[in-house]
PDB file of all heavy atoms in Angstrom:
ATOM      1  N   ASP A   1       0.832  -1.205   0.000  1.00  0.00           N
ATOM      2  CA  ASP A   1       0.000   0.000   0.000  1.00  0.00           C
ATOM      3  C   ASP A   1       0.868   1.257   0.000  1.00  0.00           C
ATOM      4  O   ASP A   1       0.624   2.191  -0.768  1.00  0.00           O
ATOM      5  CB  ASP A   1      -0.939  -0.016   1.208  1.00  0.00           C
ATOM      6  CG  ASP A   1      -1.856   1.190   1.239  1.00  0.00           C
ATOM      7  OD1 ASP A   1      -2.656   1.365   0.303  1.00  0.00           O
ATOM      8  OD2 ASP A   1      -1.763   1.960   2.214  1.00  0.00           O
ATOM      9  N   HIS A   2       1.891   1.258   0.836  1.00  0.00           N
ATOM     10  CA  HIS A   2       2.804   2.408   0.900  1.00  0.00           C
ATOM     11  C   HIS A   2       3.503   2.602  -0.455  1.00  0.00           C
ATOM     12  O   HIS A   2       3.606   3.729  -0.951  1.00  0.00           O
ATOM     13  CB  HIS A   2       3.840   2.211   2.005  1.00  0.00           C
ATOM     14  CG  HIS A   2       4.885   3.272   2.015  1.00  0.00           C
ATOM     15  ND1 HIS A   2       4.638   4.561   2.458  1.00  0.00           N
ATOM     16  CD2 HIS A   2       6.176   3.255   1.599  1.00  0.00           C
ATOM     17  CE1 HIS A   2       5.739   5.284   2.311  1.00  0.00           C
ATOM     18  NE2 HIS A   2       6.680   4.514   1.805  1.00  0.00           N
ATOM     19  N   ALA A   3       3.973   1.518  -1.050  1.00  0.00           N
ATOM     20  CA  ALA A   3       4.659   1.611  -2.339  1.00  0.00           C
ATOM     21  C   ALA A   3       3.717   2.104  -3.446  1.00  0.00           C
ATOM     22  O   ALA A   3       4.115   2.902  -4.300  1.00  0.00           O
ATOM     23  CB  ALA A   3       5.255   0.249  -2.717  1.00  0.00           C
ATOM     24  N   LEU A   4       2.463   1.656  -3.424  1.00  0.00           N
ATOM     25  CA  LEU A   4       1.477   2.130  -4.407  1.00  0.00           C
ATOM     26  C   LEU A   4       1.265   3.635  -4.283  1.00  0.00           C
ATOM     27  O   LEU A   4       1.237   4.362  -5.284  1.00  0.00           O
ATOM     28  CB  LEU A   4       0.142   1.400  -4.235  1.00  0.00           C
ATOM     29  CG  LEU A   4       0.068  -0.027  -4.740  1.00  0.00           C
ATOM     30  CD1 LEU A   4      -1.179  -0.718  -4.214  1.00  0.00           C
ATOM     31  CD2 LEU A   4       0.098  -0.056  -6.266  1.00  0.00           C
ATOM     32  N   HIS A   5       1.119   4.114  -3.055  1.00  0.00           N
ATOM     33  CA  HIS A   5       0.920   5.541  -2.830  1.00  0.00           C
ATOM     34  C   HIS A   5       2.160   6.348  -3.232  1.00  0.00           C
ATOM     35  O   HIS A   5       2.034   7.423  -3.833  1.00  0.00           O
ATOM     36  CB  HIS A   5       0.536   5.825  -1.371  1.00  0.00           C
ATOM     37  CG  HIS A   5      -0.863   5.442  -1.045  1.00  0.00           C
ATOM     38  ND1 HIS A   5      -1.955   6.166  -1.443  1.00  0.00           N
ATOM     39  CD2 HIS A   5      -1.358   4.383  -0.369  1.00  0.00           C
ATOM     40  CE1 HIS A   5      -3.054   5.580  -1.034  1.00  0.00           C
ATOM     41  NE2 HIS A   5      -2.720   4.482  -0.379  1.00  0.00           N
ATOM     42  N   ALA A   6       3.338   5.837  -2.910  1.00  0.00           N
ATOM     43  CA  ALA A   6       4.577   6.541  -3.255  1.00  0.00           C
ATOM     44  C   ALA A   6       4.735   6.632  -4.767  1.00  0.00           C
ATOM     45  O   ALA A   6       5.068   7.698  -5.304  1.00  0.00           O
ATOM     46  CB  ALA A   6       5.781   5.837  -2.633  1.00  0.00           C
ATOM     47  N   ARG A   7       4.484   5.538  -5.492  1.00  0.00           N
ATOM     48  CA  ARG A   7       4.607   5.566  -6.955  1.00  0.00           C
ATOM     49  C   ARG A   7       3.542   6.466  -7.557  1.00  0.00           C
ATOM     50  O   ARG A   7       3.800   7.215  -8.485  1.00  0.00           O
ATOM     51  CB  ARG A   7       4.514   4.151  -7.515  1.00  0.00           C
ATOM     52  CG  ARG A   7       4.577   4.057  -9.045  1.00  0.00           C
ATOM     53  CD  ARG A   7       5.858   4.617  -9.690  1.00  0.00           C
ATOM     54  NE  ARG A   7       7.044   3.905  -9.318  1.00  0.00           N
ATOM     55  CZ  ARG A   7       7.633   2.966 -10.063  1.00  0.00           C
ATOM     56  NH1 ARG A   7       7.140   2.634 -11.232  1.00  0.00           N
ATOM     57  NH2 ARG A   7       8.720   2.372  -9.625  1.00  0.00           N
ATOM     58  N   SER A   8       2.339   6.423  -7.004  1.00  0.00           N
ATOM     59  CA  SER A   8       1.256   7.265  -7.492  1.00  0.00           C
ATOM     60  C   SER A   8       1.612   8.742  -7.361  1.00  0.00           C
ATOM     61  O   SER A   8       1.397   9.538  -8.280  1.00  0.00           O
ATOM     62  CB  SER A   8      -0.035   6.954  -6.731  1.00  0.00           C
ATOM     63  OG  SER A   8      -1.102   7.740  -7.209  1.00  0.00           O
ATOM     64  N   LYS A   9       2.169   9.114  -6.204  1.00  0.00           N
ATOM     65  CA  LYS A   9       2.572  10.504  -5.969  1.00  0.00           C
ATOM     66  C   LYS A   9       3.681  10.919  -6.941  1.00  0.00           C
ATOM     67  O   LYS A   9       3.645  12.009  -7.519  1.00  0.00           O
ATOM     68  CB  LYS A   9       3.045  10.646  -4.521  1.00  0.00           C
ATOM     69  CG  LYS A   9       3.280  12.056  -4.074  1.00  0.00           C
ATOM     70  CD  LYS A   9       3.611  12.080  -2.587  1.00  0.00           C
ATOM     71  CE  LYS A   9       3.863  13.496  -2.117  1.00  0.00           C
ATOM     72  NZ  LYS A   9       4.174  13.529  -0.685  1.00  0.00           N
ATOM     73  N   ALA A  10       4.650  10.031  -7.159  1.00  0.00           N
ATOM     74  CA  ALA A  10       5.737  10.315  -8.105  1.00  0.00           C
ATOM     75  C   ALA A  10       5.197  10.419  -9.533  1.00  0.00           C
ATOM     76  O   ALA A  10       5.634  11.277 -10.304  1.00  0.00           O
ATOM     77  CB  ALA A  10       6.810   9.234  -8.010  1.00  0.00           C
ATOM     78  N   MET A  11       4.238   9.574  -9.879  1.00  0.00           N
ATOM     79  CA  MET A  11       3.616   9.633 -11.208  1.00  0.00           C
ATOM     80  C   MET A  11       2.915  10.970 -11.406  1.00  0.00           C
ATOM     81  O   MET A  11       2.998  11.565 -12.482  1.00  0.00           O
ATOM     82  CB  MET A  11       2.586   8.506 -11.372  1.00  0.00           C
ATOM     83  CG  MET A  11       3.167   7.137 -11.580  1.00  0.00           C
ATOM     84  SD  MET A  11       1.886   5.841 -11.543  1.00  0.00           S
ATOM     85  CE  MET A  11       0.717   6.431 -12.771  1.00  0.00           C
ATOM     86  N   ALA A  12       2.222  11.429 -10.371  1.00  0.00           N
ATOM     87  CA  ALA A  12       1.497  12.702 -10.467  1.00  0.00           C
ATOM     88  C   ALA A  12       2.467  13.842 -10.749  1.00  0.00           C
ATOM     89  O   ALA A  12       2.173  14.723 -11.562  1.00  0.00           O
ATOM     90  CB  ALA A  12       0.707  12.964  -9.196  1.00  0.00           C
ATOM     91  N   LYS A  13       3.623  13.814 -10.078  1.00  0.00           N
ATOM     92  CA  LYS A  13       4.623  14.862 -10.315  1.00  0.00           C
ATOM     93  C   LYS A  13       5.196  14.775 -11.730  1.00  0.00           C
ATOM     94  O   LYS A  13       5.425  15.788 -12.374  1.00  0.00           O
ATOM     95  CB  LYS A  13       5.769  14.752  -9.305  1.00  0.00           C
ATOM     96  CG  LYS A  13       5.409  15.234  -7.927  1.00  0.00           C
ATOM     97  CD  LYS A  13       6.603  15.141  -6.992  1.00  0.00           C
ATOM     98  CE  LYS A  13       6.222  15.590  -5.591  1.00  0.00           C
ATOM     99  NZ  LYS A  13       7.335  15.441  -4.651  1.00  0.00           N
ATOM    100  N   LYS A  14       5.427  13.551 -12.188  1.00  0.00           N
ATOM    101  CA  LYS A  14       6.082  13.351 -13.484  1.00  0.00           C
ATOM    102  C   LYS A  14       5.121  13.486 -14.666  1.00  0.00           C
ATOM    103  O   LYS A  14       5.476  14.062 -15.689  1.00  0.00           O
ATOM    104  CB  LYS A  14       6.753  11.976 -13.508  1.00  0.00           C
ATOM    105  CG  LYS A  14       7.574  11.704 -14.745  1.00  0.00           C
ATOM    106  CD  LYS A  14       8.346  10.413 -14.621  1.00  0.00           C
ATOM    107  CE  LYS A  14       9.198  10.231 -15.870  1.00  0.00           C
ATOM    108  NZ  LYS A  14      10.127   9.116 -15.731  1.00  0.00           N
ATOM    109  N   THR A  15       3.908  12.932 -14.531  1.00  0.00           N
ATOM    110  CA  THR A  15       2.990  12.870 -15.673  1.00  0.00           C
ATOM    111  C   THR A  15       1.705  13.659 -15.504  1.00  0.00           C
ATOM    112  O   THR A  15       0.957  13.822 -16.456  1.00  0.00           O
ATOM    113  CB  THR A  15       2.596  11.401 -15.962  1.00  0.00           C
ATOM    114  OG1 THR A  15       1.795  10.917 -14.872  1.00  0.00           O
ATOM    115  CG2 THR A  15       3.805  10.511 -16.143  1.00  0.00           C
ATOM    116  N   GLY A  16       1.420  14.106 -14.272  1.00  0.00           N
ATOM    117  CA  GLY A  16       0.167  14.804 -14.015  1.00  0.00           C
ATOM    118  C   GLY A  16      -0.993  13.871 -13.725  1.00  0.00           C
ATOM    119  O   GLY A  16      -2.117  14.313 -13.536  1.00  0.00           O
ATOM    120  N   LEU A  17      -0.721  12.558 -13.687  1.00  0.00           N
ATOM    121  CA  LEU A  17      -1.765  11.569 -13.402  1.00  0.00           C
ATOM    122  C   LEU A  17      -1.351  10.706 -12.221  1.00  0.00           C
ATOM    123  O   LEU A  17      -0.225  10.210 -12.169  1.00  0.00           O
ATOM    124  CB  LEU A  17      -1.975  10.642 -14.607  1.00  0.00           C
ATOM    125  CG  LEU A  17      -2.638  11.226 -15.836  1.00  0.00           C
ATOM    126  CD1 LEU A  17      -2.492  10.283 -17.018  1.00  0.00           C
ATOM    127  CD2 LEU A  17      -4.099  11.513 -15.562  1.00  0.00           C
ATOM    128  N   THR A  18      -2.270  10.501 -11.285  1.00  0.00           N
ATOM    129  CA  THR A  18      -2.011   9.569 -10.187  1.00  0.00           C
ATOM    130  C   THR A  18      -2.234   8.145 -10.692  1.00  0.00           C
ATOM    131  O   THR A  18      -2.787   7.932 -11.780  1.00  0.00           O
ATOM    132  CB  THR A  18      -2.963   9.830  -9.013  1.00  0.00           C
ATOM    133  OG1 THR A  18      -4.308   9.558  -9.455  1.00  0.00           O
ATOM    134  CG2 THR A  18      -2.839  11.251  -8.485  1.00  0.00           C
ATOM    135  N   GLY A  19      -1.859   7.177  -9.875  1.00  0.00           N
ATOM    136  CA  GLY A  19      -2.084   5.780 -10.234  1.00  0.00           C
ATOM    137  C   GLY A  19      -3.551   5.470 -10.498  1.00  0.00           C
ATOM    138  O   GLY A  19      -3.891   4.900 -11.549  1.00  0.00           O
ATOM    139  N   PRO A  20      -4.462   5.839  -9.581  1.00  0.00           N
ATOM    140  CA  PRO A  20      -5.883   5.571  -9.832  1.00  0.00           C
ATOM    141  C   PRO A  20      -6.426   6.299 -11.075  1.00  0.00           C
ATOM    142  O   PRO A  20      -7.235   5.743 -11.825  1.00  0.00           O
ATOM    143  CB  PRO A  20      -6.571   6.076  -8.562  1.00  0.00           C
ATOM    144  CG  PRO A  20      -5.528   5.963  -7.505  1.00  0.00           C
ATOM    145  CD  PRO A  20      -4.236   6.289  -8.201  1.00  0.00           C
ATOM    146  N   GLN A  21      -5.976   7.529 -11.318  1.00  0.00           N
ATOM    147  CA  GLN A  21      -6.419   8.256 -12.511  1.00  0.00           C
ATOM    148  C   GLN A  21      -5.943   7.543 -13.774  1.00  0.00           C
ATOM    149  O   GLN A  21      -6.692   7.385 -14.728  1.00  0.00           O
ATOM    150  CB  GLN A  21      -5.893   9.688 -12.494  1.00  0.00           C
ATOM    151  CG  GLN A  21      -6.538  10.569 -11.464  1.00  0.00           C
ATOM    152  CD  GLN A  21      -5.838  11.902 -11.318  1.00  0.00           C
ATOM    153  OE1 GLN A  21      -4.703  12.099 -11.756  1.00  0.00           O
ATOM    154  NE2 GLN A  21      -6.502  12.839 -10.657  1.00  0.00           N
ATOM    155  N   ARG A  22      -4.697   7.106 -13.756  1.00  0.00           N
ATOM    156  CA  ARG A  22      -4.147   6.423 -14.925  1.00  0.00           C
ATOM    157  C   ARG A  22      -4.858   5.093 -15.167  1.00  0.00           C
ATOM    158  O   ARG A  22      -5.158   4.743 -16.308  1.00  0.00           O
ATOM    159  CB  ARG A  22      -2.649   6.203 -14.752  1.00  0.00           C
ATOM    160  CG  ARG A  22      -2.051   5.520 -15.954  1.00  0.00           C
ATOM    161  CD  ARG A  22      -0.546   5.618 -16.007  1.00  0.00           C
ATOM    162  NE  ARG A  22      -0.029   4.608 -16.881  1.00  0.00           N
ATOM    163  CZ  ARG A  22      -0.222   4.555 -18.187  1.00  0.00           C
ATOM    164  NH1 ARG A  22      -0.911   5.499 -18.790  1.00  0.00           N
ATOM    165  NH2 ARG A  22       0.263   3.581 -18.911  1.00  0.00           N
ATOM    166  N   LEU A  23      -5.143   4.350 -14.097  1.00  0.00           N
ATOM    167  CA  LEU A  23      -5.863   3.085 -14.251  1.00  0.00           C
ATOM    168  C   LEU A  23      -7.249   3.332 -14.843  1.00  0.00           C
ATOM    169  O   LEU A  23      -7.669   2.631 -15.768  1.00  0.00           O
ATOM    170  CB  LEU A  23      -5.951   2.359 -12.910  1.00  0.00           C
ATOM    171  CG  LEU A  23      -6.643   0.993 -12.928  1.00  0.00           C
ATOM    172  CD1 LEU A  23      -5.983   0.038 -13.914  1.00  0.00           C
ATOM    173  CD2 LEU A  23      -6.634   0.400 -11.520  1.00  0.00           C
ATOM    174  N   ALA A  24      -7.940   4.332 -14.337  1.00  0.00           N
ATOM    175  CA  ALA A  24      -9.257   4.669 -14.895  1.00  0.00           C
ATOM    176  C   ALA A  24      -9.128   5.055 -16.365  1.00  0.00           C
ATOM    177  O   ALA A  24      -9.928   4.626 -17.206  1.00  0.00           O
ATOM    178  CB  ALA A  24      -9.896   5.802 -14.093  1.00  0.00           C
ATOM    179  N   LEU A  25      -8.113   5.836 -16.688  1.00  0.00           N
ATOM    180  CA  LEU A  25      -7.875   6.250 -18.074  1.00  0.00           C
ATOM    181  C   LEU A  25      -7.635   5.037 -18.969  1.00  0.00           C
ATOM    182  O   LEU A  25      -8.184   4.948 -20.072  1.00  0.00           O
ATOM    183  CB  LEU A  25      -6.670   7.199 -18.111  1.00  0.00           C
ATOM    184  CG  LEU A  25      -6.496   8.061 -19.336  1.00  0.00           C
ATOM    185  CD1 LEU A  25      -7.608   9.095 -19.438  1.00  0.00           C
ATOM    186  CD2 LEU A  25      -5.144   8.774 -19.265  1.00  0.00           C
ATOM    187  N   ARG A  26      -6.824   4.087 -18.508  1.00  0.00           N
ATOM    188  CA  ARG A  26      -6.534   2.872 -19.277  1.00  0.00           C
ATOM    189  C   ARG A  26      -7.805   2.059 -19.521  1.00  0.00           C
ATOM    190  O   ARG A  26      -8.022   1.543 -20.610  1.00  0.00           O
ATOM    191  CB  ARG A  26      -5.498   2.018 -18.552  1.00  0.00           C
ATOM    192  CG  ARG A  26      -4.123   2.637 -18.444  1.00  0.00           C
ATOM    193  CD  ARG A  26      -3.304   2.495 -19.692  1.00  0.00           C
ATOM    194  NE  ARG A  26      -2.861   1.113 -19.823  1.00  0.00           N
ATOM    195  CZ  ARG A  26      -2.476   0.576 -20.950  1.00  0.00           C
ATOM    196  NH1 ARG A  26      -2.454   1.275 -22.051  1.00  0.00           N
ATOM    197  NH2 ARG A  26      -2.102  -0.683 -21.019  1.00  0.00           N
ATOM    198  N   ILE A  27      -8.646   1.948 -18.497  1.00  0.00           N
ATOM    199  CA  ILE A  27      -9.875   1.165 -18.637  1.00  0.00           C
ATOM    200  C   ILE A  27     -10.854   1.869 -19.566  1.00  0.00           C
ATOM    201  O   ILE A  27     -11.471   1.238 -20.426  1.00  0.00           O
ATOM    202  CB  ILE A  27     -10.496   0.869 -17.260  1.00  0.00           C
ATOM    203  CG1 ILE A  27      -9.554  -0.077 -16.491  1.00  0.00           C
ATOM    204  CG2 ILE A  27     -11.892   0.267 -17.397  1.00  0.00           C
ATOM    205  CD1 ILE A  27      -9.884  -0.236 -15.042  1.00  0.00           C
ATOM    206  N   ILE A  28     -10.986   3.185 -19.428  1.00  0.00           N
ATOM    207  CA  ILE A  28     -11.874   3.942 -20.324  1.00  0.00           C
ATOM    208  C   ILE A  28     -11.379   3.794 -21.767  1.00  0.00           C
ATOM    209  O   ILE A  28     -12.174   3.652 -22.687  1.00  0.00           O
ATOM    210  CB  ILE A  28     -11.962   5.421 -19.901  1.00  0.00           C
ATOM    211  CG1 ILE A  28     -12.682   5.525 -18.554  1.00  0.00           C
ATOM    212  CG2 ILE A  28     -12.654   6.262 -20.973  1.00  0.00           C
ATOM    213  CD1 ILE A  28     -12.577   6.889 -17.892  1.00  0.00           C
ATOM    214  N   GLY A  29     -10.071   3.797 -21.962  1.00  0.00           N
ATOM    215  CA  GLY A  29      -9.514   3.596 -23.300  1.00  0.00           C
ATOM    216  C   GLY A  29      -9.812   2.214 -23.851  1.00  0.00           C
ATOM    217  O   GLY A  29     -10.010   2.036 -25.057  1.00  0.00           O
ATOM    218  N   SER A  30      -9.858   1.231 -22.983  1.00  0.00           N
ATOM    219  CA  SER A  30     -10.148  -0.143 -23.405  1.00  0.00           C
ATOM    220  C   SER A  30     -11.631  -0.377 -23.642  1.00  0.00           C
ATOM    221  O   SER A  30     -12.013  -1.259 -24.408  1.00  0.00           O
ATOM    222  CB  SER A  30      -9.658  -1.137 -22.345  1.00  0.00           C
ATOM    223  OG  SER A  30      -8.262  -1.075 -22.217  1.00  0.00           O
ATOM    224  N   PHE A  31     -12.474   0.397 -22.946  1.00  0.00           N
ATOM    225  CA  PHE A  31     -13.926   0.256 -23.062  1.00  0.00           C
ATOM    226  C   PHE A  31     -14.568   1.618 -23.312  1.00  0.00           C
ATOM    227  O   PHE A  31     -15.178   2.196 -22.408  1.00  0.00           O
ATOM    228  CB  PHE A  31     -14.502  -0.370 -21.776  1.00  0.00           C
ATOM    229  CG  PHE A  31     -13.938  -1.719 -21.457  1.00  0.00           C
ATOM    230  CD1 PHE A  31     -12.942  -1.858 -20.498  1.00  0.00           C
ATOM    231  CD2 PHE A  31     -14.388  -2.850 -22.123  1.00  0.00           C
ATOM    232  CE1 PHE A  31     -12.409  -3.101 -20.194  1.00  0.00           C
ATOM    233  CE2 PHE A  31     -13.856  -4.108 -21.832  1.00  0.00           C
ATOM    234  CZ  PHE A  31     -12.863  -4.227 -20.871  1.00  0.00           C
ATOM    235  N   PRO A  32     -14.414   2.147 -24.526  1.00  0.00           N
ATOM    236  CA  PRO A  32     -14.995   3.471 -24.819  1.00  0.00           C
ATOM    237  C   PRO A  32     -16.500   3.493 -24.522  1.00  0.00           C
ATOM    238  O   PRO A  32     -17.187   2.498 -24.718  1.00  0.00           O
ATOM    239  CB  PRO A  32     -14.737   3.646 -26.312  1.00  0.00           C
ATOM    240  CG  PRO A  32     -13.628   2.705 -26.636  1.00  0.00           C
ATOM    241  CD  PRO A  32     -13.762   1.547 -25.684  1.00  0.00           C
ATOM    242  N   ASN A  33     -16.952   4.627 -24.050  1.00  0.00           N
ATOM    243  CA  ASN A  33     -18.353   4.844 -23.688  1.00  0.00           C
ATOM    244  C   ASN A  33     -18.802   3.950 -22.535  1.00  0.00           C
ATOM    245  O   ASN A  33     -19.941   3.513 -22.484  1.00  0.00           O
ATOM    246  CB  ASN A  33     -19.272   4.691 -24.906  1.00  0.00           C
ATOM    247  CG  ASN A  33     -18.980   5.758 -25.928  1.00  0.00           C
ATOM    248  OD1 ASN A  33     -18.842   6.932 -25.586  1.00  0.00           O
ATOM    249  ND2 ASN A  33     -18.837   5.352 -27.187  1.00  0.00           N
ATOM    250  N   ILE A  34     -17.899   3.748 -21.587  1.00  0.00           N
ATOM    251  CA  ILE A  34     -18.218   2.995 -20.387  1.00  0.00           C
ATOM    252  C   ILE A  34     -18.931   3.934 -19.408  1.00  0.00           C
ATOM    253  O   ILE A  34     -18.629   5.122 -19.336  1.00  0.00           O
ATOM    254  CB  ILE A  34     -16.933   2.395 -19.755  1.00  0.00           C
ATOM    255  CG1 ILE A  34     -17.274   1.401 -18.636  1.00  0.00           C
ATOM    256  CG2 ILE A  34     -15.985   3.493 -19.275  1.00  0.00           C
ATOM    257  CD1 ILE A  34     -16.071   0.593 -18.143  1.00  0.00           C
ATOM    258  N   SER A  35     -19.901   3.393 -18.681  1.00  0.00           N
ATOM    259  CA  SER A  35     -20.597   4.206 -17.683  1.00  0.00           C
ATOM    260  C   SER A  35     -19.782   4.211 -16.391  1.00  0.00           C
ATOM    261  O   SER A  35     -18.923   3.353 -16.179  1.00  0.00           O
ATOM    262  CB  SER A  35     -21.991   3.629 -17.409  1.00  0.00           C
ATOM    263  OG  SER A  35     -21.883   2.409 -16.699  1.00  0.00           O
ATOM    264  N   SER A  36     -20.067   5.161 -15.523  1.00  0.00           N
ATOM    265  CA  SER A  36     -19.350   5.216 -14.248  1.00  0.00           C
ATOM    266  C   SER A  36     -19.663   3.984 -13.402  1.00  0.00           C
ATOM    267  O   SER A  36     -18.794   3.478 -12.690  1.00  0.00           O
ATOM    268  CB  SER A  36     -19.667   6.496 -13.483  1.00  0.00           C
ATOM    269  OG  SER A  36     -21.042   6.592 -13.228  1.00  0.00           O
ATOM    270  N   GLY A  37     -20.874   3.481 -13.482  1.00  0.00           N
ATOM    271  CA  GLY A  37     -21.239   2.269 -12.746  1.00  0.00           C
ATOM    272  C   GLY A  37     -20.437   1.068 -13.215  1.00  0.00           C
ATOM    273  O   GLY A  37     -19.940   0.278 -12.404  1.00  0.00           O
ATOM    274  N   GLU A  38     -20.323   0.928 -14.534  1.00  0.00           N
ATOM    275  CA  GLU A  38     -19.522  -0.181 -15.074  1.00  0.00           C
ATOM    276  C   GLU A  38     -18.057  -0.028 -14.681  1.00  0.00           C
ATOM    277  O   GLU A  38     -17.400  -1.001 -14.297  1.00  0.00           O
ATOM    278  CB  GLU A  38     -19.651  -0.231 -16.603  1.00  0.00           C
ATOM    279  CG  GLU A  38     -21.031  -0.621 -17.092  1.00  0.00           C
ATOM    280  CD  GLU A  38     -21.253  -0.328 -18.569  1.00  0.00           C
ATOM    281  OE1 GLU A  38     -20.671   0.645 -19.092  1.00  0.00           O
ATOM    282  OE2 GLU A  38     -22.012  -1.092 -19.181  1.00  0.00           O
ATOM    283  N   LEU A  39     -17.549   1.186 -14.767  1.00  0.00           N
ATOM    284  CA  LEU A  39     -16.160   1.450 -14.406  1.00  0.00           C
ATOM    285  C   LEU A  39     -15.916   1.153 -12.929  1.00  0.00           C
ATOM    286  O   LEU A  39     -14.900   0.552 -12.569  1.00  0.00           O
ATOM    287  CB  LEU A  39     -15.789   2.898 -14.736  1.00  0.00           C
ATOM    288  CG  LEU A  39     -14.346   3.311 -14.517  1.00  0.00           C
ATOM    289  CD1 LEU A  39     -13.377   2.447 -15.322  1.00  0.00           C
ATOM    290  CD2 LEU A  39     -14.160   4.786 -14.899  1.00  0.00           C
TER     291      LEU A  39
END
């Protein structure tokens, strides 16, 4: 959990996206027009 948070924080600084944001982005890209409930 600590490592996930640390990498997420570093990702946000480097790319502007946290780990959870990037995961959501990847899933939305894989399933275009997905609803929030499905996501």
